[in-house]
Protein backbone atom coordinates (compact mmCIF):
# COMPACT_ATOMS: atom_id res chain seq x y z
CA MET A 1 114.44 138.16 83.00
CA ALA A 2 112.31 140.28 85.61
CA ASP A 3 111.62 138.47 88.67
CA ARG A 4 108.25 136.91 89.25
CA THR A 5 106.54 135.92 92.02
CA VAL A 6 104.48 132.23 92.41
CA VAL A 7 102.29 131.80 94.74
CA VAL A 8 102.52 127.28 95.38
CA ALA A 9 99.21 126.49 96.76
CA VAL A 10 99.66 123.07 99.67
CA ASP A 11 97.44 121.59 101.92
CA GLY A 12 99.75 119.06 103.18
CA SER A 13 98.87 115.80 101.21
CA ASP A 14 101.07 113.97 99.48
CA GLN A 15 99.69 115.63 95.88
CA ALA A 16 100.67 118.90 96.98
CA ASP A 17 103.79 117.92 97.19
CA LYS A 18 103.92 117.23 94.38
CA ALA A 19 102.75 119.74 92.83
CA PHE A 20 105.90 121.93 94.81
CA LYS A 21 108.48 119.20 93.41
CA TRP A 22 107.36 119.96 89.81
CA TYR A 23 106.74 123.14 89.97
CA CYS A 24 111.30 123.50 91.39
CA GLU A 25 111.80 120.77 89.11
CA ASN A 26 109.58 121.90 86.13
CA VAL A 27 108.53 125.95 85.69
CA TYR A 28 110.86 127.49 88.60
CA ARG A 29 113.68 129.68 86.58
CA ALA A 30 116.05 132.04 88.21
CA GLY A 31 114.39 135.18 90.09
CA ASP A 32 111.41 133.24 91.16
CA HIS A 33 110.12 134.53 94.42
CA VAL A 34 107.50 131.69 95.19
CA ILE A 35 104.88 132.11 98.13
CA VAL A 36 103.89 128.86 99.40
CA VAL A 37 100.36 129.50 101.16
CA PHE A 38 98.13 126.99 103.21
CA GLY A 39 94.98 127.59 105.14
CA ALA A 40 94.88 127.71 108.70
CA GLU A 41 91.61 127.13 110.28
CA TYR A 42 91.81 128.48 114.33
CA LYS A 43 88.02 128.82 114.40
CA VAL A 44 86.14 129.09 117.40
CA SER A 45 82.89 129.45 118.75
CA PHE A 46 81.14 129.61 121.81
CA MET A 47 79.28 132.47 124.48
CA PRO A 48 81.93 133.85 126.92
CA GLY A 49 80.68 132.59 130.64
CA GLN A 50 79.10 129.45 128.59
CA VAL A 51 81.69 127.26 128.20
CA SER A 52 83.03 124.66 130.69
CA GLU A 53 86.02 124.05 131.61
CA THR A 54 86.30 121.00 130.01
CA ARG A 55 84.85 122.14 126.59
CA LEU A 56 87.99 125.70 127.46
CA LYS A 57 90.60 122.66 128.05
CA GLU A 58 89.79 120.68 124.51
CA ILE A 59 89.24 124.61 122.02
CA GLN A 60 93.11 125.13 123.44
CA ASP A 61 93.87 121.51 122.24
CA GLU A 62 92.69 122.16 119.40
CA MET A 63 94.45 125.52 118.96
CA SER A 64 97.59 123.69 120.07
CA LYS A 65 98.05 121.31 117.47
CA GLU A 66 96.53 123.74 115.02
CA HIS A 67 99.81 125.86 115.81
CA GLN A 68 101.89 123.02 115.89
CA ARG A 69 100.21 122.24 112.43
CA VAL A 70 101.15 125.42 111.03
CA GLU A 71 104.61 125.00 112.45
CA ALA A 72 104.96 122.25 110.87
CA LEU A 73 104.26 123.09 107.31
CA THR A 74 105.79 126.70 107.39
CA ASN A 75 108.80 124.64 108.72
CA LYS A 76 108.92 122.21 106.27
CA TYR A 77 108.75 124.47 102.86
CA VAL A 78 110.97 127.59 104.27
CA SER A 79 113.05 124.28 104.58
CA GLN A 80 112.71 123.16 100.36
CA LEU A 81 113.17 126.10 99.17
CA ARG A 82 116.07 126.47 101.21
CA GLU A 83 117.55 122.64 99.67
CA ARG A 84 116.77 123.98 96.49
CA ASN A 85 118.13 127.75 96.86
CA ILE A 86 114.75 129.64 96.08
CA LYS A 87 113.68 132.82 97.63
CA GLY A 88 110.79 132.73 98.59
CA GLU A 89 108.35 132.01 101.90
CA ALA A 90 105.80 129.80 103.53
CA THR A 91 102.83 131.66 105.31
CA PRO A 92 99.11 130.35 106.11
CA ILE A 93 96.46 132.38 104.80
CA THR A 94 93.18 132.75 106.97
CA GLY A 95 89.68 134.36 107.32
CA LYS A 96 88.17 132.73 104.14
CA LYS A 97 87.70 130.00 102.26
CA PRO A 98 90.62 129.21 101.19
CA GLU A 99 89.88 129.33 97.01
CA GLU A 100 89.39 132.65 97.47
CA ALA A 101 91.96 133.09 100.37
CA ILE A 102 94.82 131.56 97.96
CA ILE A 103 93.39 134.14 94.47
CA SER A 104 93.44 136.83 97.44
CA LYS A 105 97.10 135.98 98.24
CA ALA A 106 97.85 136.01 94.41
CA GLU A 107 96.64 139.39 93.98
CA GLU A 108 97.75 141.04 97.34
CA VAL A 109 101.53 139.29 96.13
CA GLY A 110 101.23 140.59 92.69
CA ALA A 111 101.71 136.95 91.86
CA ALA A 112 102.58 136.22 88.19
CA MET A 113 101.37 132.58 88.57
CA ILE A 114 99.46 130.03 91.08
CA VAL A 115 100.76 127.07 91.12
CA MET A 116 98.50 124.38 92.65
CA GLY A 117 97.82 120.21 93.14
CA THR A 118 94.60 118.29 93.01
CA ARG A 119 93.62 115.22 94.44
CA GLY A 120 91.73 114.21 91.25
CA LEU A 121 87.67 113.42 92.54
CA GLY A 122 85.69 112.88 88.81
CA THR A 123 82.87 115.22 87.47
CA ILE A 124 79.78 114.28 90.13
CA ARG A 125 82.08 114.32 93.49
CA ARG A 126 83.86 117.76 92.73
CA THR A 127 80.41 118.63 91.39
CA LEU A 128 78.80 117.30 95.15
CA MET A 129 82.06 118.43 97.20
CA GLY A 130 83.12 121.75 95.25
CA SER A 131 86.76 121.41 94.39
CA VAL A 132 89.82 124.41 95.75
CA SER A 133 91.87 124.24 92.01
CA ASP A 134 88.36 124.09 89.90
CA TYR A 135 87.52 127.28 91.24
CA ILE A 136 90.61 128.87 91.22
CA VAL A 137 90.84 127.88 87.68
CA HIS A 138 87.84 129.68 87.12
CA HIS A 139 88.35 132.56 89.47
CA ALA A 140 91.56 133.28 89.54
CA ARG A 141 93.06 136.75 87.30
CA ILE A 142 96.62 134.22 85.97
CA PRO A 143 97.92 131.60 84.99
CA VAL A 144 96.85 128.41 87.27
CA ILE A 145 99.23 125.20 87.62
CA VAL A 146 97.27 122.30 88.98
CA VAL A 147 99.22 119.36 88.99
CA ARG A 148 97.44 116.27 88.65
CA ASP A 149 98.88 113.14 90.86
CA SER A 150 99.24 110.71 88.43
């Protein structure tokens, strides 16, 4: 069988962990190259010259915490891929809404499918808040597997 690239979108939640595990146990096939993607929030806005020392320290702390979160997620999923003998990588995605960034990454790497979890929000909450998985299902040009938390 030909190799295929699969994007697995995670966010650090239990639901995302279950989706990753489900993919590994039910969909993975030898030769797959898995790209685990997750959002990284490095957004800071301020006016130069108008930032107090206190605010600058807060910004540095926020950036440091986000860097640590990104590093922890990267290490976690790279380790899990290695433990399962699956070739792949874990990479943060930035710059867009998460749902747009996931689709963009899948298109960029020529993914055969996207796998992700869902929090199982009800219709009203999903309508009010939006849903990353709902958006991806309706806008991706490739198959999307949404693993529902049971």
